[in-house]
């Protein structure tokens, strides 16, 4: 996969997919700024996937800190796209 990181900045909106080990119900969506919450399962444990647009990378760090505070181990963070400047 080829990603041009020169297009990504700290201060722009972007869409992310965050994977954590454990189960987080949809009632947490408002707490996490409206991110979509879905669960998947693996042979050994459940995995929660949070997907959505965040204002900037400071907001991303805030979400990651909240997940850490809830004791959910981080599996991965995926940058999906930079938000259009026309939005």
Protein backbone atom coordinates (compact mmCIF):
# COMPACT_ATOMS: atom_id res chain seq x y z
CA UNK A 1 0.00 0.00 0.00
CA UNK A 2 1.38 3.39 -0.96
CA UNK A 3 0.28 6.35 1.17
CA UNK A 4 1.53 9.86 0.60
CA UNK A 5 2.11 11.07 4.15
CA UNK A 6 2.88 14.57 2.88
CA UNK A 7 -0.90 15.04 2.52
CA UNK A 8 -1.52 14.30 6.18
CA UNK A 9 -1.17 17.12 8.71
CA UNK A 10 -1.71 17.41 12.45
CA UNK A 11 -4.44 20.04 12.15
CA UNK A 12 -6.84 18.68 9.51
CA UNK A 13 -9.92 16.53 9.80
CA UNK A 14 -9.42 12.91 8.84
CA UNK A 15 -11.25 9.60 9.05
CA UNK A 16 -9.79 6.89 11.27
CA UNK A 17 -10.52 3.29 12.18
CA UNK A 18 -9.39 2.30 15.69
CA UNK A 19 -9.19 -1.32 16.89
CA UNK A 20 -9.17 -2.21 20.59
CA UNK A 21 -9.33 -5.51 22.43
CA UNK A 22 -12.53 -5.86 24.42
CA UNK A 23 -16.17 -4.95 24.08
CA UNK A 24 -17.51 -1.41 23.97
CA UNK A 25 -21.24 -0.97 23.43
CA UNK A 26 -22.93 1.52 21.10
CA UNK A 27 -24.04 3.58 24.11
CA UNK A 28 -20.45 4.93 24.17
CA UNK A 29 -20.80 6.59 20.72
CA UNK A 30 -21.60 10.03 22.16
CA UNK A 31 -18.70 9.76 24.60
CA UNK A 32 -16.40 9.19 21.64
CA UNK A 33 -17.67 12.09 19.55
CA UNK A 34 -20.15 10.10 17.50
CA UNK A 35 -17.69 7.51 16.20
CA UNK A 36 -19.41 4.40 14.86
CA UNK A 37 -18.83 1.43 17.15
CA UNK A 38 -18.87 -2.16 15.94
CA UNK A 39 -17.77 -5.45 17.47
CA UNK A 40 -15.97 -8.33 15.84
CA UNK A 41 -14.73 -11.48 17.45
CA UNK A 42 -11.56 -13.47 17.28
CA UNK A 43 -10.96 -17.01 18.55
CA UNK A 44 -9.59 -15.62 21.85
CA UNK A 45 -11.41 -12.32 22.48
CA UNK A 46 -13.74 -9.65 21.23
CA UNK A 47 -12.52 -6.68 19.27
CA UNK A 48 -14.23 -3.28 19.13
CA UNK A 49 -13.80 -1.12 16.03
CA UNK A 50 -14.43 2.64 16.22
CA UNK A 51 -14.70 4.43 12.88
CA UNK A 52 -15.32 8.04 12.01
CA UNK A 53 -14.07 11.51 11.27
CA UNK A 54 -12.08 13.39 13.89
CA UNK A 55 -11.30 17.11 13.93
CA UNK A 56 -7.52 16.66 14.04
CA UNK A 57 -4.83 14.48 15.54
CA UNK A 58 -5.34 16.06 18.97
CA UNK A 59 -8.89 14.66 18.88
CA UNK A 60 -7.47 11.28 17.88
CA UNK A 61 -5.14 11.39 20.87
CA UNK A 62 -8.11 12.24 23.10
CA UNK A 63 -10.01 9.17 21.88
CA UNK A 64 -6.96 6.97 22.43
CA UNK A 65 -6.55 8.35 25.95
CA UNK A 66 -10.22 7.61 26.74
CA UNK A 67 -9.80 4.05 25.50
CA UNK A 68 -6.70 3.66 27.62
CA UNK A 69 -8.59 4.97 30.64
CA UNK A 70 -11.25 2.33 30.08
CA UNK A 71 -8.57 -0.38 30.11
CA UNK A 72 -9.04 -1.39 26.46
CA UNK A 73 -5.71 -2.44 24.88
CA UNK A 74 -5.02 -0.75 21.55
CA UNK A 75 -4.64 -3.13 18.61
CA UNK A 76 -4.27 -0.60 15.81
CA UNK A 77 -5.15 2.76 14.29
CA UNK A 78 -5.78 3.12 10.57
CA UNK A 79 -5.90 6.43 8.70
CA UNK A 80 -8.62 6.07 6.07
CA UNK A 81 -8.72 9.47 4.40
CA UNK A 82 -8.12 13.12 4.86
CA UNK A 83 -11.37 15.07 5.02
CA UNK A 84 -12.24 17.17 1.99
CA UNK A 85 -11.52 20.87 2.45
CA UNK A 86 -14.90 21.57 0.83
CA UNK A 87 -16.88 20.08 3.75
